[in-house]
Protein backbone atom coordinates (compact mmCIF):
# COMPACT_ATOMS: atom_id res chain seq x y z
CA UNK A 1 101.88 101.62 108.39
CA UNK A 2 105.03 99.77 109.51
CA UNK A 3 107.90 99.70 107.02
CA UNK A 4 107.89 95.89 106.72
CA UNK A 5 104.25 95.93 105.58
CA UNK A 6 104.91 98.72 103.10
CA UNK A 7 107.76 96.82 101.49
CA UNK A 8 106.10 93.41 101.57
CA UNK A 9 105.57 91.84 98.13
CA UNK A 10 102.38 90.10 97.15
CA UNK A 11 102.45 86.39 97.91
CA UNK A 12 99.92 85.03 95.43
CA UNK A 13 99.50 81.94 93.31
CA UNK A 14 98.89 83.26 89.81
CA UNK A 15 96.64 80.45 88.59
CA UNK A 16 94.46 80.62 91.70
CA UNK A 17 94.25 84.40 91.48
CA UNK A 18 93.04 84.37 87.87
CA UNK A 19 90.58 81.54 88.53
CA UNK A 20 88.98 83.21 91.55
CA UNK A 21 89.05 86.80 90.32
CA UNK A 22 85.65 88.25 89.39
CA UNK A 23 84.74 91.74 88.24
CA UNK A 24 82.15 93.56 90.34
CA UNK A 25 80.56 96.16 88.07
CA UNK A 26 77.70 98.11 89.67
CA UNK A 27 75.02 99.86 87.66
CA UNK A 28 76.04 103.26 89.00
CA UNK A 29 79.62 104.31 89.71
CA UNK A 30 81.56 107.54 89.96
CA UNK A 31 85.28 107.59 90.62
CA UNK A 32 85.15 111.05 92.19
CA UNK A 33 82.54 110.13 94.79
CA UNK A 34 83.31 106.41 95.24
CA UNK A 35 87.10 106.71 95.49
CA UNK A 36 88.35 110.25 96.14
CA UNK A 37 85.56 111.23 98.54
CA UNK A 38 85.67 107.87 100.35
CA UNK A 39 89.41 108.17 101.06
CA UNK A 40 88.77 111.80 102.06
CA UNK A 41 86.88 110.57 105.12
CA UNK A 42 90.37 110.20 106.59
CA UNK A 43 91.30 113.87 106.37
CA UNK A 44 95.01 113.14 106.79
CA UNK A 45 95.39 110.55 103.99
CA UNK A 46 98.03 111.78 101.52
CA UNK A 47 96.97 111.67 97.87
CA UNK A 48 99.41 113.80 95.88
CA UNK A 49 102.95 115.14 96.12
CA UNK A 50 103.74 117.81 93.52
CA UNK A 51 107.39 118.81 93.17
CA UNK A 52 107.65 122.39 91.98
CA UNK A 53 109.49 123.42 88.84
CA UNK A 54 112.67 124.20 90.80
CA UNK A 55 112.92 120.52 91.70
CA UNK A 56 113.27 121.29 95.41
CA UNK A 57 110.04 122.63 96.92
CA UNK A 58 106.92 120.49 96.95
CA UNK A 59 103.24 120.83 97.80
CA UNK A 60 101.14 118.12 99.40
CA UNK A 61 97.45 117.40 98.85
CA UNK A 62 95.36 114.98 100.88
CA UNK A 63 92.32 113.21 99.48
CA UNK A 64 90.29 115.65 101.55
CA UNK A 65 91.98 118.57 99.78
CA UNK A 66 91.14 117.08 96.39
CA UNK A 67 87.55 116.41 97.46
CA UNK A 68 86.99 120.00 98.57
CA UNK A 69 88.73 121.58 95.58
CA UNK A 70 86.99 119.31 93.05
CA UNK A 71 83.60 120.07 94.65
CA UNK A 72 84.33 123.77 94.32
CA UNK A 73 85.41 123.43 90.68
CA UNK A 74 82.33 121.33 89.93
CA UNK A 75 80.31 124.35 91.05
CA UNK A 76 82.35 126.54 88.70
CA UNK A 77 81.44 124.27 85.79
CA UNK A 78 77.78 124.14 86.75
CA UNK A 79 77.64 127.94 87.01
CA UNK A 80 79.12 128.14 83.49
CA UNK A 81 76.44 125.81 82.17
CA UNK A 82 78.86 122.94 81.49
CA UNK A 83 76.84 119.77 81.91
CA UNK A 84 76.99 115.99 81.81
CA UNK A 85 78.15 114.74 78.41
CA UNK A 86 79.95 117.96 77.41
CA UNK A 87 83.53 117.57 76.20
CA UNK A 88 86.40 119.65 77.61
CA UNK A 89 89.99 119.74 76.33
CA UNK A 90 92.41 119.76 79.29
CA UNK A 91 95.95 120.77 78.35
CA UNK A 92 98.04 121.24 81.51
CA UNK A 93 101.46 120.45 82.90
CA UNK A 94 101.77 118.04 85.84
CA UNK A 95 100.21 120.44 88.34
CA UNK A 96 97.71 119.80 91.17
CA UNK A 97 95.01 121.69 89.27
CA UNK A 98 94.96 118.90 86.69
CA UNK A 99 93.62 116.56 89.36
CA UNK A 100 91.11 119.10 90.60
CA UNK A 101 89.53 119.78 87.20
CA UNK A 102 89.60 116.11 86.14
CA UNK A 103 87.96 114.82 89.34
CA UNK A 104 85.36 117.60 89.21
CA UNK A 105 84.41 116.63 85.66
CA UNK A 106 84.16 112.97 86.61
CA UNK A 107 81.76 113.89 89.41
CA UNK A 108 79.49 115.77 87.01
CA UNK A 109 79.73 113.35 84.10
CA UNK A 110 81.50 115.98 81.99
CA UNK A 111 83.96 114.28 79.61
CA UNK A 112 87.56 115.52 79.83
CA UNK A 113 89.86 115.15 76.83
CA UNK A 114 93.43 115.15 78.25
CA UNK A 115 96.00 116.56 75.85
CA UNK A 116 99.73 117.07 76.02
CA UNK A 117 101.11 120.60 76.21
CA UNK A 118 103.05 119.71 73.04
CA UNK A 119 99.86 119.99 70.98
CA UNK A 120 100.12 122.50 68.15
CA UNK A 121 97.32 124.86 67.14
CA UNK A 122 96.47 122.43 64.34
CA UNK A 123 96.27 119.53 66.83
CA UNK A 124 94.08 121.55 69.18
CA UNK A 125 91.71 122.58 66.38
CA UNK A 126 91.39 118.97 65.19
CA UNK A 127 90.54 117.70 68.68
CA UNK A 128 88.04 120.42 69.55
CA UNK A 129 86.19 120.14 66.25
CA UNK A 130 86.31 116.35 66.02
CA UNK A 131 84.87 115.96 69.52
CA UNK A 132 82.68 119.07 69.34
CA UNK A 133 84.18 120.26 72.61
CA UNK A 134 82.77 123.39 74.20
CA UNK A 135 85.57 124.26 76.62
CA UNK A 136 89.36 124.27 76.89
CA UNK A 137 91.43 124.51 80.07
CA UNK A 138 95.14 125.33 79.85
CA UNK A 139 97.88 127.53 81.33
CA UNK A 140 99.13 130.94 80.31
CA UNK A 141 102.05 129.53 78.32
CA UNK A 142 99.67 127.86 75.86
CA UNK A 143 96.76 130.27 75.44
CA UNK A 144 98.23 131.64 72.21
CA UNK A 145 97.91 128.29 70.46
CA UNK A 146 94.22 128.17 71.34
CA UNK A 147 93.54 131.80 70.40
CA UNK A 148 95.02 131.25 66.94
CA UNK A 149 92.32 128.71 66.08
CA UNK A 150 89.43 129.59 68.41
CA UNK A 151 87.43 131.35 65.67
CA UNK A 152 87.59 128.15 63.59
CA UNK A 153 86.01 126.08 66.40
CA UNK A 154 82.25 126.75 66.31
CA UNK A 155 81.41 124.64 69.40
CA UNK A 156 84.03 126.28 71.66
CA UNK A 157 82.25 128.47 74.25
CA UNK A 158 84.62 128.70 77.22
CA UNK A 159 88.39 129.25 77.48
CA UNK A 160 89.89 128.96 80.96
CA UNK A 161 93.44 129.69 82.08
CA UNK A 162 94.76 128.21 85.32
CA UNK A 163 97.74 130.23 86.50
CA UNK A 164 97.38 133.92 85.50
CA UNK A 165 94.67 136.26 84.22
CA UNK A 166 94.47 136.64 80.44
CA UNK A 167 92.23 139.03 78.51
CA UNK A 168 89.03 137.34 77.26
CA UNK A 169 89.82 134.15 79.20
CA UNK A 170 88.10 132.83 82.32
CA UNK A 171 90.52 132.80 85.26
CA UNK A 172 90.46 129.62 87.36
CA UNK A 173 91.54 131.15 90.66
CA UNK A 174 89.13 134.04 90.43
CA UNK A 175 86.19 131.73 89.74
CA UNK A 176 87.24 129.30 92.49
CA UNK A 177 87.28 132.16 95.01
CA UNK A 178 83.80 133.31 94.06
CA UNK A 179 81.89 130.01 93.96
CA UNK A 180 80.37 127.90 96.75
CA UNK A 181 82.65 125.49 98.57
CA UNK A 182 80.04 122.74 98.95
CA UNK A 183 78.60 120.83 96.02
CA UNK A 184 74.81 120.68 95.99
CA UNK A 185 74.10 117.08 94.99
CA UNK A 186 70.66 118.10 93.75
CA UNK A 187 72.48 119.73 90.82
CA UNK A 188 74.45 116.54 90.01
CA UNK A 189 73.13 113.78 87.78
CA UNK A 190 74.22 110.26 88.76
CA UNK A 191 76.56 108.44 86.42
CA UNK A 192 76.09 104.87 85.29
CA UNK A 193 79.11 102.67 84.64
CA UNK A 194 77.99 102.63 81.01
CA UNK A 195 77.97 106.45 80.69
CA UNK A 196 80.82 108.13 78.75
CA UNK A 197 83.56 109.36 81.09
CA UNK A 198 86.86 110.07 79.34
CA UNK A 199 88.04 110.73 75.80
CA UNK A 200 91.59 110.06 74.64
CA UNK A 201 93.06 110.62 71.21
CA UNK A 202 95.39 107.90 69.95
CA UNK A 203 98.91 108.84 68.95
CA UNK A 204 98.15 108.75 65.23
CA UNK A 205 101.16 106.77 63.96
CA UNK A 206 99.37 105.87 60.71
CA UNK A 207 96.92 108.74 60.24
CA UNK A 208 94.72 111.16 62.15
CA UNK A 209 94.28 110.23 65.82
CA UNK A 210 91.22 108.13 66.65
CA UNK A 211 88.94 109.06 69.55
CA UNK A 212 89.00 106.43 72.30
CA UNK A 213 85.90 106.75 74.47
CA UNK A 214 85.94 105.19 77.94
CA UNK A 215 82.99 104.86 80.31
CA UNK A 216 82.74 105.27 84.08
CA UNK A 217 83.66 101.58 84.45
CA UNK A 218 87.19 102.35 83.19
CA UNK A 219 88.70 103.18 86.63
CA UNK A 220 87.44 99.84 87.96
CA UNK A 221 89.54 98.08 85.34
CA UNK A 222 92.66 99.88 86.54
CA UNK A 223 92.42 98.15 89.90
CA UNK A 224 94.37 95.26 88.39
CA UNK A 225 96.93 97.68 86.92
CA UNK A 226 97.71 99.11 90.33
CA UNK A 227 97.20 96.14 92.64
CA UNK A 228 98.80 93.35 90.64
CA UNK A 229 101.03 94.75 87.86
CA UNK A 230 102.29 97.67 89.98
CA UNK A 231 101.94 95.75 93.27
CA UNK A 232 100.64 98.86 95.06
CA UNK A 233 99.13 99.14 98.52
CA UNK A 234 97.71 102.05 100.51
CA UNK A 235 101.12 102.83 102.04
CA UNK A 236 103.01 103.26 98.75
CA UNK A 237 104.24 106.45 97.09
CA UNK A 238 104.18 105.81 93.35
CA UNK A 239 105.91 107.73 90.56
CA UNK A 240 105.01 107.18 86.92
CA UNK A 241 107.06 109.32 84.55
CA UNK A 242 104.42 110.62 82.16
CA UNK A 243 102.81 113.81 81.02
CA UNK A 244 99.19 114.30 82.04
CA UNK A 245 98.13 114.28 78.37
CA UNK A 246 98.89 110.61 77.78
CA UNK A 247 96.77 107.60 78.72
CA UNK A 248 99.83 106.53 80.75
CA UNK A 249 98.72 109.16 83.26
CA UNK A 250 95.43 107.28 83.74
CA UNK A 251 97.49 104.11 84.21
CA UNK A 252 100.02 105.45 86.68
CA UNK A 253 98.97 108.82 88.05
CA UNK A 254 95.28 108.57 88.80
CA UNK A 255 92.77 105.72 88.80
CA UNK A 256 94.31 102.51 90.10
CA UNK A 257 96.65 104.26 92.49
CA UNK A 258 93.83 106.18 94.16
CA UNK A 259 91.55 103.14 94.24
CA UNK A 260 94.10 101.20 96.33
CA UNK A 261 94.94 104.35 98.33
CA UNK A 262 98.53 104.81 97.19
CA UNK A 263 99.89 108.35 97.09
CA UNK A 264 101.09 109.76 93.75
CA UNK A 265 104.13 111.93 93.15
CA UNK A 266 104.76 114.16 90.15
CA UNK A 267 107.19 116.85 89.02
CA UNK A 268 105.28 119.94 87.94
CA UNK A 269 107.32 121.43 85.09
CA UNK A 270 110.72 119.75 84.86
CA UNK A 271 111.39 121.03 81.33
CA UNK A 272 114.54 119.34 80.10
CA UNK A 273 114.79 115.89 81.66
CA UNK A 274 117.00 115.93 84.76
CA UNK A 275 118.05 112.37 85.74
CA UNK A 276 120.02 113.51 88.80
CA UNK A 277 117.10 115.66 89.95
CA UNK A 278 114.67 112.78 89.51
CA UNK A 279 116.83 110.36 91.51
CA UNK A 280 117.40 112.91 94.28
CA UNK A 281 113.65 113.57 94.44
CA UNK A 282 112.92 109.84 94.65
CA UNK A 283 115.37 109.57 97.54
CA UNK A 284 114.15 112.69 99.35
CA UNK A 285 110.45 111.79 99.19
CA UNK A 286 110.81 108.05 99.77
CA UNK A 287 109.29 106.79 96.51
CA UNK A 288 108.50 103.08 96.83
CA UNK A 289 107.20 102.23 93.35
CA UNK A 290 108.49 103.53 90.02
CA UNK A 291 107.42 103.23 86.39
CA UNK A 292 109.21 104.83 83.43
CA UNK A 293 109.86 104.19 79.74
CA UNK A 294 113.18 102.56 78.78
CA UNK A 295 114.53 105.91 77.57
CA UNK A 296 114.33 107.24 81.12
CA UNK A 297 116.05 104.19 82.60
CA UNK A 298 118.85 104.51 80.03
CA UNK A 299 119.44 108.10 81.16
CA UNK A 300 119.26 107.18 84.85
CA UNK A 301 121.98 104.52 84.69
CA UNK A 302 124.38 107.10 83.25
CA UNK A 303 124.43 108.58 86.75
CA UNK A 304 126.54 107.15 89.56
CA UNK A 305 123.64 105.21 91.06
CA UNK A 306 125.62 104.33 94.19
CA UNK A 307 125.14 107.95 95.34
CA UNK A 308 121.41 107.51 95.80
CA UNK A 309 119.76 105.79 98.75
CA UNK A 310 116.41 104.86 97.21
CA UNK A 311 113.50 103.22 99.02
CA UNK A 312 112.14 101.42 95.97
CA UNK A 313 110.59 97.98 96.18
CA UNK A 314 109.06 97.60 92.70
CA UNK A 315 110.02 98.96 89.25
CA UNK A 316 108.28 98.76 85.87
CA UNK A 317 108.78 99.70 82.25
CA UNK A 318 106.86 99.40 78.99
CA UNK A 319 106.60 100.55 75.41
CA UNK A 320 109.92 99.67 73.79
CA UNK A 321 112.94 97.37 74.16
CA UNK A 322 114.89 97.67 77.42
CA UNK A 323 118.61 96.96 77.07
CA UNK A 324 119.98 94.05 79.10
CA UNK A 325 122.73 96.41 80.29
CA UNK A 326 120.12 98.67 81.90
CA UNK A 327 118.46 95.72 83.64
CA UNK A 328 121.88 94.48 84.85
CA UNK A 329 123.07 97.83 86.23
CA UNK A 330 119.73 98.56 87.92
CA UNK A 331 119.62 95.19 89.64
CA UNK A 332 123.27 95.31 90.70
CA UNK A 333 122.69 98.71 92.32
CA UNK A 334 119.25 98.41 93.85
CA UNK A 335 118.64 94.66 93.89
CA UNK A 336 115.46 95.10 91.86
CA UNK A 337 114.21 93.66 88.59
CA UNK A 338 112.43 95.90 86.07
CA UNK A 339 109.06 94.38 85.18
CA UNK A 340 107.61 94.84 81.70
CA UNK A 341 103.88 95.07 81.04
CA UNK A 342 101.48 95.75 78.16
CA UNK A 343 98.28 97.59 77.36
CA UNK A 344 96.95 100.38 75.19
CA UNK A 345 95.07 103.68 75.31
CA UNK A 346 92.04 101.48 74.59
CA UNK A 347 92.60 99.19 77.60
CA UNK A 348 94.03 98.91 81.07
CA UNK A 349 97.02 96.67 81.78
CA UNK A 350 96.13 93.31 80.19
CA UNK A 351 99.55 91.59 80.18
CA UNK A 352 102.25 91.86 82.81
CA UNK A 353 105.22 90.31 84.52
CA UNK A 354 104.28 90.08 88.19
CA UNK A 355 106.47 90.29 91.30
CA UNK A 356 104.88 87.08 92.62
CA UNK A 357 106.00 84.86 89.71
CA UNK A 358 109.20 84.23 87.73
CA UNK A 359 110.14 87.03 85.35
CA UNK A 360 111.18 86.44 81.74
CA UNK A 361 113.19 89.33 80.36
CA UNK A 362 111.91 90.44 76.97
CA UNK A 363 108.44 89.04 77.60
CA UNK A 364 105.43 91.24 78.38
CA UNK A 365 104.25 88.56 80.80
CA UNK A 366 100.91 86.84 81.30
CA UNK A 367 97.29 88.09 81.29
CA UNK A 368 96.27 90.19 84.26
CA UNK A 369 93.35 88.92 86.39
CA UNK A 370 89.98 89.47 84.75
CA UNK A 371 91.42 89.50 81.21
CA UNK A 372 91.28 86.53 78.85
CA UNK A 373 94.04 87.45 76.40
CA UNK A 374 94.80 85.07 73.55
CA UNK A 375 96.91 84.76 70.42
CA UNK A 376 94.47 84.20 67.56
CA UNK A 377 94.31 84.25 63.77
CA UNK A 378 92.17 86.78 61.88
CA UNK A 379 89.05 84.63 62.43
CA UNK A 380 89.51 84.40 66.18
CA UNK A 381 90.91 80.85 66.25
CA UNK A 382 93.41 80.39 69.05
CA UNK A 383 96.93 79.56 67.86
CA UNK A 384 99.31 77.10 69.53
CA UNK A 385 102.40 78.16 71.51
CA UNK A 386 105.22 79.54 69.39
CA UNK A 387 102.96 80.64 66.53
CA UNK A 388 102.70 84.39 65.92
CA UNK A 389 99.24 85.93 65.73
CA UNK A 390 96.99 88.75 66.90
CA UNK A 391 96.91 89.84 70.52
CA UNK A 392 93.18 89.70 71.21
CA UNK A 393 91.06 90.23 74.30
CA UNK A 394 88.15 87.80 74.60
CA UNK A 395 84.94 89.65 75.46
CA UNK A 396 83.02 86.73 76.97
CA UNK A 397 79.87 87.13 79.03
CA UNK A 398 81.26 90.03 81.10
CA UNK A 399 82.94 92.73 79.05
CA UNK A 400 86.12 93.81 80.88
CA UNK A 401 85.39 97.19 82.50
CA UNK A 402 88.72 98.70 81.45
CA UNK A 403 88.11 98.16 77.73
CA UNK A 404 87.03 101.24 75.81
CA UNK A 405 83.40 101.66 74.85
CA UNK A 406 84.26 102.52 71.23
CA UNK A 407 86.29 104.41 68.70
CA UNK A 408 83.86 107.30 68.74
CA UNK A 409 82.50 108.35 65.32
CA UNK A 410 84.59 105.72 63.51
CA UNK A 411 82.56 102.69 62.38
CA UNK A 412 85.33 101.30 60.18
CA UNK A 413 87.83 101.28 63.03
CA UNK A 414 85.23 99.55 65.22
CA UNK A 415 84.70 96.82 62.61
CA UNK A 416 88.43 96.20 62.40
CA UNK A 417 88.82 96.02 66.17
CA UNK A 418 85.70 94.12 67.30
CA UNK A 419 84.79 90.84 65.60
CA UNK A 420 84.53 87.10 66.28
CA UNK A 421 83.90 87.81 69.98
CA UNK A 422 87.25 89.56 70.51
CA UNK A 423 88.79 92.98 70.73
CA UNK A 424 91.74 92.86 68.32
CA UNK A 425 94.51 95.13 69.61
CA UNK A 426 96.23 95.49 66.24
CA UNK A 427 99.43 94.14 67.82
CA UNK A 428 101.19 90.88 67.04
CA UNK A 429 102.83 88.46 69.46
CA UNK A 430 103.32 84.78 70.26
CA UNK A 431 102.83 82.82 73.47
CA UNK A 432 105.43 80.35 74.74
CA UNK A 433 104.83 76.97 76.37
CA UNK A 434 104.75 78.58 79.83
CA UNK A 435 102.02 81.03 78.84
CA UNK A 436 104.26 84.12 78.60
CA UNK A 437 103.54 86.54 75.74
CA UNK A 438 106.31 87.89 73.49
CA UNK A 439 105.54 91.11 71.63
CA UNK A 440 106.36 91.22 67.90
CA UNK A 441 105.01 94.59 66.74
CA UNK A 442 102.04 96.43 65.27
CA UNK A 443 100.31 94.40 62.57
CA UNK A 444 101.08 97.11 60.01
CA UNK A 445 104.75 97.13 61.02
CA UNK A 446 105.52 93.41 60.62
CA UNK A 447 108.06 92.90 57.83
CA UNK A 448 107.44 90.17 55.25
CA UNK A 449 110.80 89.22 53.71
CA UNK A 450 111.69 86.12 51.65
CA UNK A 451 108.71 84.23 53.05
CA UNK A 452 109.54 85.17 56.65
CA UNK A 453 107.52 87.41 58.97
CA UNK A 454 109.88 89.57 61.02
CA UNK A 455 108.75 91.67 63.97
CA UNK A 456 110.55 95.01 64.26
CA UNK A 457 110.41 94.86 68.06
CA UNK A 458 112.69 91.80 68.22
CA UNK A 459 115.24 93.28 65.82
CA UNK A 460 115.18 96.60 67.65
CA UNK A 461 115.69 94.77 70.94
CA UNK A 462 118.79 93.10 69.50
CA UNK A 463 120.09 96.37 68.11
CA UNK A 464 119.64 98.12 71.45
CA UNK A 465 121.96 95.58 73.07
CA UNK A 466 124.86 96.94 71.01
CA UNK A 467 126.70 99.76 72.84
CA UNK A 468 126.89 101.92 69.70
CA UNK A 469 123.09 102.12 69.36
CA UNK A 470 121.37 104.90 71.29
CA UNK A 471 118.02 104.62 69.52
CA UNK A 472 116.70 102.78 66.49
CA UNK A 473 113.72 101.91 64.33
CA UNK A 474 113.29 98.96 61.98
CA UNK A 475 111.07 98.81 58.88
CA UNK A 476 110.76 96.89 55.65
CA UNK A 477 112.42 98.42 52.55
CA UNK A 478 112.81 97.36 48.90
CA UNK A 479 115.87 95.17 48.35
CA UNK A 480 118.39 97.32 46.44
CA UNK A 481 119.68 94.13 44.77
CA UNK A 482 116.17 93.30 43.58
CA UNK A 483 116.40 89.71 44.85
CA UNK A 484 114.38 89.47 48.05
CA UNK A 485 111.65 92.00 47.39
CA UNK A 486 111.56 93.44 50.93
CA UNK A 487 114.46 93.41 53.38
CA UNK A 488 115.00 94.65 56.92
CA UNK A 489 116.23 98.23 57.19
CA UNK A 490 117.45 99.82 60.41
CA UNK A 491 117.52 103.55 61.12
CA UNK A 492 120.07 104.09 63.89
CA UNK A 493 120.95 107.01 66.12
CA UNK A 494 124.46 106.39 67.39
CA UNK A 495 125.48 106.68 71.01
CA UNK A 496 127.95 109.35 72.06
CA UNK A 497 131.49 108.55 70.94
CA UNK A 498 130.55 106.51 67.86
CA UNK A 499 130.79 107.55 64.22
CA UNK A 500 129.21 105.88 61.15
CA UNK A 501 131.48 103.49 59.23
CA UNK A 502 131.23 100.36 57.09
CA UNK A 503 133.11 98.49 59.79
CA UNK A 504 130.61 99.54 62.48
CA UNK A 505 127.71 98.57 60.20
CA UNK A 506 129.12 95.07 59.74
CA UNK A 507 129.73 94.77 63.47
CA UNK A 508 126.12 95.75 64.26
CA UNK A 509 124.77 93.37 61.60
CA UNK A 510 126.85 90.49 62.96
CA UNK A 511 125.63 91.27 66.45
CA UNK A 512 121.99 90.99 65.33
CA UNK A 513 122.71 87.72 63.47
CA UNK A 514 124.10 86.21 66.67
CA UNK A 515 121.36 87.62 68.91
CA UNK A 516 118.40 86.64 66.74
CA UNK A 517 117.83 84.36 63.76
CA UNK A 518 120.31 85.21 60.96
CA UNK A 519 117.55 86.08 58.46
CA UNK A 520 116.39 88.92 60.72
CA UNK A 521 119.49 91.09 60.56
CA UNK A 522 119.19 94.54 58.89
CA UNK A 523 120.62 94.31 55.38
CA UNK A 524 120.35 98.10 55.13
CA UNK A 525 121.57 100.42 57.88
CA UNK A 526 121.07 104.17 57.76
CA UNK A 527 122.52 106.43 60.43
CA UNK A 528 120.31 109.38 61.34
CA UNK A 529 120.29 112.23 63.86
CA UNK A 530 116.62 111.83 64.77
CA UNK A 531 113.56 109.65 64.14
CA UNK A 532 110.10 110.88 63.14
CA UNK A 533 107.77 110.58 66.12
CA UNK A 534 104.25 111.42 67.16
CA UNK A 535 103.73 113.95 69.95
CA UNK A 536 103.44 110.98 72.33
CA UNK A 537 106.95 109.86 71.37
CA UNK A 538 105.97 106.84 69.27
CA UNK A 539 108.01 106.23 66.13
CA UNK A 540 106.20 106.90 62.86
CA UNK A 541 107.25 103.73 61.05
CA UNK A 542 104.82 104.43 58.24
CA UNK A 543 106.76 107.60 57.44
CA UNK A 544 110.03 105.66 57.51
CA UNK A 545 108.59 102.97 55.22
CA UNK A 546 107.41 105.59 52.76
CA UNK A 547 110.83 107.25 52.87
CA UNK A 548 112.54 103.92 52.24
CA UNK A 549 110.24 103.12 49.33
CA UNK A 550 110.82 106.49 47.72
């Protein structure tokens, strides 16, 4: 397509879009057949660019390649006796085979359980046994972790390695060479949109991970993620910085992108993060759309950005505060804003800043089309602008297709999340007079001090604006003076070149007083070398609260 069309931004009236948007949810749907195989009819249509571990070489897969390979792997699964409804743990780096095995399972109705390669043996055992999975697919670097616990997993029948033969393991390449290339549809059971499709484990910030079960309608919901929040078209090359084990991969490396026909780029095994390598790769391959967490942007702007001739037209970020300095440097260099958006493992993108409407820095934007998101009290009563409450998704007559089916095997979690006609996200926010949402924090993380409710997100955002702060986390802690009960405490990792001192502490506290309401500043500041995090990189505030209370 011509360059001007590829770089053209959506010209849409937001209110009209939301009013006219309607979900079309068929009775039967299968992402593998309806999306991948449909695009494969054009045998030249690029689907995937995989940069090799050296950062230089790359392989290219068309939709037709993925169709043929996924059909072949579907035959492998059928020959092994893996059937619709079976659960399979998939623990792979960002390699093309991840797409092949995932799409093949979607076609058969087998339920993949994506997992990060950071999972320990204990994590793997918990997931296999909790979900009663009967198969695991990984690479040679991680087979040892599985073997250590395999005897303690009674449902586990098949272990498959992707990249090299291993004793007592099925070898992917060997099986792919031996099976039929064409998928006999008589062996395939059709999938309804209501059938289970995908199983994610939450990050477990407050306990054992919950199982989030999505149905075959889930990809349909990601159309709005790709088309409106990410502004993608069929001529884009999109890069989301994420491991394949996170739900972020479903958001930015699979469903919505392929539905609209955008190509996806990934770096197979980058190991230690290489900001220069990433920027050079973006330039070399002509990436047009980019999404990364704030941590990545902070590392990127430490490079001399003027050295890179990027072809970007849209940039996004989510998950934590983004420093104003990062936004400023990025826009000065590339002329692009960084758009924030919001959603969960349990949902698709339900709130976003859009390129076709004014952006408000610090806000997570407005509801995406097809999602009635409100700020409500615990009984589901909508709250007025400026009043903090629960972020809740109204279910209405048509349940949004991107919302999970359930927390599988967890009735208590379901009762907490679904009531009064809403899905309660567990997050807190407020809505301003213009309809923009402003994230406050997880309900469990909100600090109640001297009659005030203080969201850690806002305080952390203020802290991150100070040049001395590289990373931080804010929790409630007992007042050492015994006056206020609970006060705000900040754990801070200092930026390079700064050392802890009473003078620096006062400077940081004064900065927060000026940036936010004075009562929100951290009365206690503790400098640390690292913060406790889940394997998905989320801060374990519960652990910090317990440490502060002790």
